[in-house]
Amino acid sequence: MATEKPLDVPGLHARIRKMLNEAKHFIRALPSDAVGVLSLEEGKPVQPDLTRLGDYQFCSGAPRGIWPSSPEISSAMLEGYGNP
């Protein structure tokens, strides 16, 4: 693989394991009706704060629906992971 810097494989592995563990704990803590739905706050997608679930609008998928996409969704997805 061509990269600008050599890959730190052990470090990358540790980061991926940490992200997976955080996701597992987050999903386990969510109420079942909030798993797999888009959380909106003031019309913008966010990762919900587990202590404020009543403050969000939840949008679930629908047959023949579309996958929502926006710069806010991309930012929200990547925000917690920092720069590689």
PDB file of N, CA and C in Angstrom:
ATOM      1  N   MET A   1       0.845  -1.160   0.000  1.00  0.00           N
ATOM      2  CA  MET A   1       0.000   0.000   0.000  1.00  0.00           C
ATOM      3  C   MET A   1       0.900   1.236   0.000  1.00  0.00           C
ATOM      4  N   ALA A   2       0.650   2.140  -0.919  1.00  0.00           N
ATOM      5  CA  ALA A   2       1.438   3.374  -0.992  1.00  0.00           C
ATOM      6  C   ALA A   2       0.874   4.381   0.014  1.00  0.00           C
ATOM      7  N   THR A   3       1.705   4.826   0.939  1.00  0.00           N
ATOM      8  CA  THR A   3       1.296   5.822   1.929  1.00  0.00           C
ATOM      9  C   THR A   3       2.378   6.884   2.052  1.00  0.00           C
ATOM     10  N   GLU A   4       1.981   8.046   2.553  1.00  0.00           N
ATOM     11  CA  GLU A   4       2.957   9.115   2.764  1.00  0.00           C
ATOM     12  C   GLU A   4       3.899   8.770   3.904  1.00  0.00           C
ATOM     13  N   LYS A   5       3.372   8.106   4.941  1.00  0.00           N
ATOM     14  CA  LYS A   5       4.174   7.688   6.087  1.00  0.00           C
ATOM     15  C   LYS A   5       3.990   6.184   6.263  1.00  0.00           C
ATOM     16  N   PRO A   6       4.964   5.519   6.843  1.00  0.00           N
ATOM     17  CA  PRO A   6       4.772   4.092   7.127  1.00  0.00           C
ATOM     18  C   PRO A   6       3.588   3.898   8.081  1.00  0.00           C
ATOM     19  N   LEU A   7       2.831   2.825   7.852  1.00  0.00           N
ATOM     20  CA  LEU A   7       1.696   2.529   8.719  1.00  0.00           C
ATOM     21  C   LEU A   7       2.181   1.976  10.052  1.00  0.00           C
ATOM     22  N   ASP A   8       1.582   2.452  11.115  1.00  0.00           N
ATOM     23  CA  ASP A   8       1.821   1.913  12.447  1.00  0.00           C
ATOM     24  C   ASP A   8       0.734   0.866  12.677  1.00  0.00           C
ATOM     25  N   VAL A   9       0.991  -0.358  12.229  1.00  0.00           N
ATOM     26  CA  VAL A   9      -0.035  -1.404  12.261  1.00  0.00           C
ATOM     27  C   VAL A   9      -0.506  -1.692  13.694  1.00  0.00           C
ATOM     28  N   PRO A  10       0.392  -1.859  14.669  1.00  0.00           N
ATOM     29  CA  PRO A  10      -0.100  -2.090  16.032  1.00  0.00           C
ATOM     30  C   PRO A  10      -0.933  -0.914  16.552  1.00  0.00           C
ATOM     31  N   GLY A  11      -0.513   0.304  16.249  1.00  0.00           N
ATOM     32  CA  GLY A  11      -1.275   1.479  16.677  1.00  0.00           C
ATOM     33  C   GLY A  11      -2.630   1.555  15.994  1.00  0.00           C
ATOM     34  N   LEU A  12      -2.671   1.258  14.698  1.00  0.00           N
ATOM     35  CA  LEU A  12      -3.926   1.244  13.950  1.00  0.00           C
ATOM     36  C   LEU A  12      -4.857   0.174  14.496  1.00  0.00           C
ATOM     37  N   HIS A  13      -4.313  -0.993  14.786  1.00  0.00           N
ATOM     38  CA  HIS A  13      -5.113  -2.072  15.362  1.00  0.00           C
ATOM     39  C   HIS A  13      -5.703  -1.634  16.699  1.00  0.00           C
ATOM     40  N   ALA A  14      -4.905  -1.010  17.543  1.00  0.00           N
ATOM     41  CA  ALA A  14      -5.382  -0.557  18.853  1.00  0.00           C
ATOM     42  C   ALA A  14      -6.491   0.475  18.697  1.00  0.00           C
ATOM     43  N   ARG A  15      -6.353   1.405  17.753  1.00  0.00           N
ATOM     44  CA  ARG A  15      -7.394   2.425  17.533  1.00  0.00           C
ATOM     45  C   ARG A  15      -8.698   1.794  17.058  1.00  0.00           C
ATOM     46  N   ILE A  16      -8.594   0.837  16.144  1.00  0.00           N
ATOM     47  CA  ILE A  16      -9.793   0.179  15.625  1.00  0.00           C
ATOM     48  C   ILE A  16     -10.479  -0.609  16.743  1.00  0.00           C
ATOM     49  N   ARG A  17      -9.724  -1.339  17.542  1.00  0.00           N
ATOM     50  CA  ARG A  17     -10.315  -2.097  18.664  1.00  0.00           C
ATOM     51  C   ARG A  17     -11.004  -1.152  19.645  1.00  0.00           C
ATOM     52  N   LYS A  18     -10.363  -0.002  19.926  1.00  0.00           N
ATOM     53  CA  LYS A  18     -10.949   0.969  20.845  1.00  0.00           C
ATOM     54  C   LYS A  18     -12.272   1.506  20.284  1.00  0.00           C
ATOM     55  N   MET A  19     -12.303   1.848  18.995  1.00  0.00           N
ATOM     56  CA  MET A  19     -13.532   2.342  18.373  1.00  0.00           C
ATOM     57  C   MET A  19     -14.631   1.290  18.425  1.00  0.00           C
ATOM     58  N   LEU A  20     -14.281   0.036  18.142  1.00  0.00           N
ATOM     59  CA  LEU A  20     -15.278  -1.035  18.179  1.00  0.00           C
ATOM     60  C   LEU A  20     -15.824  -1.241  19.587  1.00  0.00           C
ATOM     61  N   ASN A  21     -14.951  -1.204  20.584  1.00  0.00           N
ATOM     62  CA  ASN A  21     -15.403  -1.356  21.974  1.00  0.00           C
ATOM     63  C   ASN A  21     -16.296  -0.201  22.400  1.00  0.00           C
ATOM     64  N   GLU A  22     -15.921   1.028  22.014  1.00  0.00           N
ATOM     65  CA  GLU A  22     -16.764   2.182  22.349  1.00  0.00           C
ATOM     66  C   GLU A  22     -18.129   2.059  21.688  1.00  0.00           C
ATOM     67  N   ALA A  23     -18.153   1.627  20.430  1.00  0.00           N
ATOM     68  CA  ALA A  23     -19.422   1.460  19.724  1.00  0.00           C
ATOM     69  C   ALA A  23     -20.267   0.383  20.391  1.00  0.00           C
ATOM     70  N   LYS A  24     -19.651  -0.723  20.784  1.00  0.00           N
ATOM     71  CA  LYS A  24     -20.377  -1.815  21.444  1.00  0.00           C
ATOM     72  C   LYS A  24     -21.018  -1.329  22.744  1.00  0.00           C
ATOM     73  N   HIS A  25     -20.257  -0.601  23.558  1.00  0.00           N
ATOM     74  CA  HIS A  25     -20.794  -0.099  24.827  1.00  0.00           C
ATOM     75  C   HIS A  25     -21.900   0.931  24.594  1.00  0.00           C
ATOM     76  N   PHE A  26     -21.729   1.776  23.586  1.00  0.00           N
ATOM     77  CA  PHE A  26     -22.740   2.785  23.274  1.00  0.00           C
ATOM     78  C   PHE A  26     -24.045   2.115  22.841  1.00  0.00           C
ATOM     79  N   ILE A  27     -23.967   1.151  21.928  1.00  0.00           N
ATOM     80  CA  ILE A  27     -25.168   0.472  21.434  1.00  0.00           C
ATOM     81  C   ILE A  27     -25.851  -0.297  22.554  1.00  0.00           C
ATOM     82  N   ARG A  28     -25.079  -0.926  23.416  1.00  0.00           N
ATOM     83  CA  ARG A  28     -25.681  -1.654  24.548  1.00  0.00           C
ATOM     84  C   ARG A  28     -26.410  -0.717  25.504  1.00  0.00           C
ATOM     85  N   ALA A  29     -25.945   0.518  25.619  1.00  0.00           N
ATOM     86  CA  ALA A  29     -26.555   1.479  26.543  1.00  0.00           C
ATOM     87  C   ALA A  29     -27.793   2.158  25.964  1.00  0.00           C
ATOM     88  N   LEU A  30     -27.932   2.137  24.631  1.00  0.00           N
ATOM     89  CA  LEU A  30     -29.089   2.772  23.985  1.00  0.00           C
ATOM     90  C   LEU A  30     -30.342   1.939  24.197  1.00  0.00           C
ATOM     91  N   PRO A  31     -31.494   2.590  24.391  1.00  0.00           N
ATOM     92  CA  PRO A  31     -32.743   1.838  24.392  1.00  0.00           C
ATOM     93  C   PRO A  31     -32.942   1.199  23.017  1.00  0.00           C
ATOM     94  N   SER A  32     -33.582   0.044  22.976  1.00  0.00           N
ATOM     95  CA  SER A  32     -33.701  -0.690  21.717  1.00  0.00           C
ATOM     96  C   SER A  32     -34.415   0.106  20.630  1.00  0.00           C
ATOM     97  N   ASP A  33     -35.347   0.984  20.990  1.00  0.00           N
ATOM     98  CA  ASP A  33     -36.056   1.756  19.959  1.00  0.00           C
ATOM     99  C   ASP A  33     -35.210   2.891  19.384  1.00  0.00           C
ATOM    100  N   ALA A  34     -34.040   3.140  19.955  1.00  0.00           N
ATOM    101  CA  ALA A  34     -33.161   4.191  19.439  1.00  0.00           C
ATOM    102  C   ALA A  34     -31.976   3.625  18.656  1.00  0.00           C
ATOM    103  N   VAL A  35     -31.898   2.300  18.555  1.00  0.00           N
ATOM    104  CA  VAL A  35     -30.798   1.662  17.814  1.00  0.00           C
ATOM    105  C   VAL A  35     -31.143   1.645  16.330  1.00  0.00           C
ATOM    106  N   GLY A  36     -30.215   2.085  15.505  1.00  0.00           N
ATOM    107  CA  GLY A  36     -30.404   2.019  14.057  1.00  0.00           C
ATOM    108  C   GLY A  36     -31.233   3.139  13.472  1.00  0.00           C
ATOM    109  N   VAL A  37     -31.436   4.187  14.234  1.00  0.00           N
ATOM    110  CA  VAL A  37     -32.188   5.334  13.725  1.00  0.00           C
ATOM    111  C   VAL A  37     -31.305   6.574  13.732  1.00  0.00           C
ATOM    112  N   LEU A  38     -31.670   7.535  12.928  1.00  0.00           N
ATOM    113  CA  LEU A  38     -30.937   8.794  12.856  1.00  0.00           C
ATOM    114  C   LEU A  38     -31.439   9.713  13.959  1.00  0.00           C
ATOM    115  N   SER A  39     -30.540  10.280  14.733  1.00  0.00           N
ATOM    116  CA  SER A  39     -30.887  11.211  15.801  1.00  0.00           C
ATOM    117  C   SER A  39     -30.662  12.631  15.315  1.00  0.00           C
ATOM    118  N   LEU A  40     -31.681  13.457  15.462  1.00  0.00           N
ATOM    119  CA  LEU A  40     -31.588  14.854  15.031  1.00  0.00           C
ATOM    120  C   LEU A  40     -31.758  15.777  16.226  1.00  0.00           C
ATOM    121  N   GLU A  41     -30.952  16.822  16.242  1.00  0.00           N
ATOM    122  CA  GLU A  41     -31.088  17.889  17.226  1.00  0.00           C
ATOM    123  C   GLU A  41     -31.132  19.195  16.458  1.00  0.00           C
ATOM    124  N   GLU A  42     -32.235  19.907  16.582  1.00  0.00           N
ATOM    125  CA  GLU A  42     -32.466  21.145  15.826  1.00  0.00           C
ATOM    126  C   GLU A  42     -32.290  20.896  14.329  1.00  0.00           C
ATOM    127  N   GLY A  43     -32.763  19.739  13.873  1.00  0.00           N
ATOM    128  CA  GLY A  43     -32.721  19.412  12.455  1.00  0.00           C
ATOM    129  C   GLY A  43     -31.379  18.921  11.941  1.00  0.00           C
ATOM    130  N   LYS A  44     -30.393  18.804  12.833  1.00  0.00           N
ATOM    131  CA  LYS A  44     -29.062  18.353  12.417  1.00  0.00           C
ATOM    132  C   LYS A  44     -28.762  16.993  13.030  1.00  0.00           C
ATOM    133  N   PRO A  45     -28.133  16.095  12.251  1.00  0.00           N
ATOM    134  CA  PRO A  45     -27.806  14.769  12.782  1.00  0.00           C
ATOM    135  C   PRO A  45     -26.712  14.853  13.842  1.00  0.00           C
ATOM    136  N   VAL A  46     -26.909  14.102  14.916  1.00  0.00           N
ATOM    137  CA  VAL A  46     -25.944  14.076  16.014  1.00  0.00           C
ATOM    138  C   VAL A  46     -25.844  12.663  16.563  1.00  0.00           C
ATOM    139  N   GLN A  47     -24.744  12.398  17.254  1.00  0.00           N
ATOM    140  CA  GLN A  47     -24.682  11.186  18.072  1.00  0.00           C
ATOM    141  C   GLN A  47     -25.365  11.552  19.369  1.00  0.00           C
ATOM    142  N   PRO A  48     -26.417  10.835  19.743  1.00  0.00           N
ATOM    143  CA  PRO A  48     -27.181  11.255  20.915  1.00  0.00           C
ATOM    144  C   PRO A  48     -26.416  11.093  22.223  1.00  0.00           C
ATOM    145  N   ASP A  49     -26.657  12.020  23.113  1.00  0.00           N
ATOM    146  CA  ASP A  49     -26.156  11.945  24.483  1.00  0.00           C
ATOM    147  C   ASP A  49     -27.142  11.042  25.218  1.00  0.00           C
ATOM    148  N   LEU A  50     -26.652   9.976  25.809  1.00  0.00           N
ATOM    149  CA  LEU A  50     -27.529   8.990  26.448  1.00  0.00           C
ATOM    150  C   LEU A  50     -28.329   9.572  27.607  1.00  0.00           C
ATOM    151  N   THR A  51     -27.886  10.683  28.166  1.00  0.00           N
ATOM    152  CA  THR A  51     -28.613  11.299  29.287  1.00  0.00           C
ATOM    153  C   THR A  51     -29.683  12.276  28.816  1.00  0.00           C
ATOM    154  N   ARG A  52     -29.766  12.516  27.484  1.00  0.00           N
ATOM    155  CA  ARG A  52     -30.720  13.495  26.959  1.00  0.00           C
ATOM    156  C   ARG A  52     -31.553  12.936  25.802  1.00  0.00           C
ATOM    157  N   LEU A  53     -31.838  11.658  25.811  1.00  0.00           N
ATOM    158  CA  LEU A  53     -32.514  11.043  24.677  1.00  0.00           C
ATOM    159  C   LEU A  53     -33.863  11.687  24.365  1.00  0.00           C
ATOM    160  N   GLY A  54     -34.524  12.239  25.365  1.00  0.00           N
ATOM    161  CA  GLY A  54     -35.818  12.890  25.143  1.00  0.00           C
ATOM    162  C   GLY A  54     -35.717  14.193  24.366  1.00  0.00           C
ATOM    163  N   ASP A  55     -34.510  14.713  24.192  1.00  0.00           N
ATOM    164  CA  ASP A  55     -34.306  15.990  23.497  1.00  0.00           C
ATOM    165  C   ASP A  55     -34.161  15.838  21.988  1.00  0.00           C
ATOM    166  N   TYR A  56     -34.151  14.607  21.473  1.00  0.00           N
ATOM    167  CA  TYR A  56     -33.876  14.381  20.061  1.00  0.00           C
ATOM    168  C   TYR A  56     -35.115  13.945  19.296  1.00  0.00           C
ATOM    169  N   GLN A  57     -35.068  14.214  18.013  1.00  0.00           N
ATOM    170  CA  GLN A  57     -36.052  13.659  17.093  1.00  0.00           C
ATOM    171  C   GLN A  57     -35.367  12.450  16.462  1.00  0.00           C
ATOM    172  N   PHE A  58     -36.076  11.322  16.415  1.00  0.00           N
ATOM    173  CA  PHE A  58     -35.509  10.111  15.840  1.00  0.00           C
ATOM    174  C   PHE A  58     -36.197   9.814  14.520  1.00  0.00           C
ATOM    175  N   CYS A  59     -35.406   9.521  13.506  1.00  0.00           N
ATOM    176  CA  CYS A  59     -35.927   9.208  12.172  1.00  0.00           C
ATOM    177  C   CYS A  59     -35.481   7.800  11.812  1.00  0.00           C
ATOM    178  N   SER A  60     -36.457   6.919  11.617  1.00  0.00           N
ATOM    179  CA  SER A  60     -36.110   5.551  11.244  1.00  0.00           C
ATOM    180  C   SER A  60     -36.191   5.373   9.739  1.00  0.00           C
ATOM    181  N   GLY A  61     -35.590   4.314   9.277  1.00  0.00           N
ATOM    182  CA  GLY A  61     -35.602   4.026   7.852  1.00  0.00           C
ATOM    183  C   GLY A  61     -36.976   3.567   7.395  1.00  0.00           C
ATOM    184  N   ALA A  62     -37.151   3.532   6.102  1.00  0.00           N
ATOM    185  CA  ALA A  62     -38.412   3.088   5.517  1.00  0.00           C
ATOM    186  C   ALA A  62     -38.121   2.369   4.209  1.00  0.00           C
ATOM    187  N   PRO A  63     -38.972   1.398   3.851  1.00  0.00           N
ATOM    188  CA  PRO A  63     -38.779   0.755   2.556  1.00  0.00           C
ATOM    189  C   PRO A  63     -38.762   1.801   1.441  1.00  0.00           C
ATOM    190  N   ARG A  64     -37.836   1.637   0.532  1.00  0.00           N
ATOM    191  CA  ARG A  64     -37.652   2.550  -0.599  1.00  0.00           C
ATOM    192  C   ARG A  64     -37.235   3.956  -0.166  1.00  0.00           C
ATOM    193  N   GLY A  65     -36.792   4.056   1.078  1.00  0.00           N
ATOM    194  CA  GLY A  65     -36.293   5.341   1.552  1.00  0.00           C
ATOM    195  C   GLY A  65     -34.905   5.597   0.983  1.00  0.00           C
ATOM    196  N   ILE A  66     -34.327   6.704   1.355  1.00  0.00           N
ATOM    197  CA  ILE A  66     -32.986   7.024   0.898  1.00  0.00           C
ATOM    198  C   ILE A  66     -32.075   7.121   2.106  1.00  0.00           C
ATOM    199  N   TRP A  67     -30.793   6.861   1.878  1.00  0.00           N
ATOM    200  CA  TRP A  67     -29.807   7.024   2.941  1.00  0.00           C
ATOM    201  C   TRP A  67     -29.497   8.501   3.062  1.00  0.00           C
ATOM    202  N   PRO A  68     -29.734   9.096   4.233  1.00  0.00           N
ATOM    203  CA  PRO A  68     -29.469  10.525   4.373  1.00  0.00           C
ATOM    204  C   PRO A  68     -27.984  10.812   4.285  1.00  0.00           C
ATOM    205  N   SER A  69     -27.653  11.905   3.687  1.00  0.00           N
ATOM    206  CA  SER A  69     -26.259  12.291   3.575  1.00  0.00           C
ATOM    207  C   SER A  69     -26.157  13.805   3.603  1.00  0.00           C
ATOM    208  N   SER A  70     -25.183  14.274   4.323  1.00  0.00           N
ATOM    209  CA  SER A  70     -24.921  15.708   4.390  1.00  0.00           C
ATOM    210  C   SER A  70     -23.547  15.895   5.009  1.00  0.00           C
ATOM    211  N   PRO A  71     -22.981  17.083   4.884  1.00  0.00           N
ATOM    212  CA  PRO A  71     -21.695  17.336   5.552  1.00  0.00           C
ATOM    213  C   PRO A  71     -21.795  17.151   7.066  1.00  0.00           C
ATOM    214  N   GLU A  72     -22.964  17.475   7.636  1.00  0.00           N
ATOM    215  CA  GLU A  72     -23.131  17.323   9.086  1.00  0.00           C
ATOM    216  C   GLU A  72     -23.074  15.858   9.498  1.00  0.00           C
ATOM    217  N   ILE A  73     -23.684  14.980   8.695  1.00  0.00           N
ATOM    218  CA  ILE A  73     -23.653  13.554   9.020  1.00  0.00           C
ATOM    219  C   ILE A  73     -22.217  13.046   8.959  1.00  0.00           C
ATOM    220  N   SER A  74     -21.503  13.402   7.898  1.00  0.00           N
ATOM    221  CA  SER A  74     -20.108  12.968   7.776  1.00  0.00           C
ATOM    222  C   SER A  74     -19.280  13.481   8.941  1.00  0.00           C
ATOM    223  N   SER A  75     -19.462  14.738   9.306  1.00  0.00           N
ATOM    224  CA  SER A  75     -18.706  15.316  10.421  1.00  0.00           C
ATOM    225  C   SER A  75     -19.031  14.608  11.722  1.00  0.00           C
ATOM    226  N   ALA A  76     -20.331  14.345  11.949  1.00  0.00           N
ATOM    227  CA  ALA A  76     -20.740  13.679  13.181  1.00  0.00           C
ATOM    228  C   ALA A  76     -20.146  12.284  13.263  1.00  0.00           C
ATOM    229  N   MET A  77     -20.078  11.570  12.138  1.00  0.00           N
ATOM    230  CA  MET A  77     -19.538  10.219  12.126  1.00  0.00           C
ATOM    231  C   MET A  77     -18.043  10.209  12.423  1.00  0.00           C
ATOM    232  N   LEU A  78     -17.321  11.204  11.932  1.00  0.00           N
ATOM    233  CA  LEU A  78     -15.876  11.216  12.074  1.00  0.00           C
ATOM    234  C   LEU A  78     -15.376  12.003  13.288  1.00  0.00           C
ATOM    235  N   GLU A  79     -16.239  12.780  13.892  1.00  0.00           N
ATOM    236  CA  GLU A  79     -15.831  13.688  14.974  1.00  0.00           C
ATOM    237  C   GLU A  79     -15.092  13.000  16.106  1.00  0.00           C
ATOM    238  N   GLY A  80     -15.604  11.881  16.546  1.00  0.00           N
ATOM    239  CA  GLY A  80     -15.020  11.206  17.701  1.00  0.00           C
ATOM    240  C   GLY A  80     -13.720  10.478  17.423  1.00  0.00           C
ATOM    241  N   TYR A  81     -13.345  10.329  16.167  1.00  0.00           N
ATOM    242  CA  TYR A  81     -12.180   9.520  15.855  1.00  0.00           C
ATOM    243  C   TYR A  81     -10.900  10.332  15.718  1.00  0.00           C
ATOM    244  N   GLY A  82     -10.981  11.642  15.665  1.00  0.00           N
ATOM    245  CA  GLY A  82      -9.779  12.465  15.554  1.00  0.00           C
ATOM    246  C   GLY A  82      -9.071  12.260  14.239  1.00  0.00           C
ATOM    247  N   ASN A  83      -7.933  12.862  14.118  1.00  0.00           N
ATOM    248  CA  ASN A  83      -7.130  12.720  12.886  1.00  0.00           C
ATOM    249  C   ASN A  83      -6.335  11.436  12.950  1.00  0.00           C
ATOM    250  N   PRO A  84      -6.310  10.702  11.841  1.00  0.00           N
ATOM    251  CA  PRO A  84      -5.531   9.446  11.841  1.00  0.00           C
ATOM    252  C   PRO A  84      -4.053   9.705  11.942  1.00  0.00           C
TER     253      PRO A  84
END
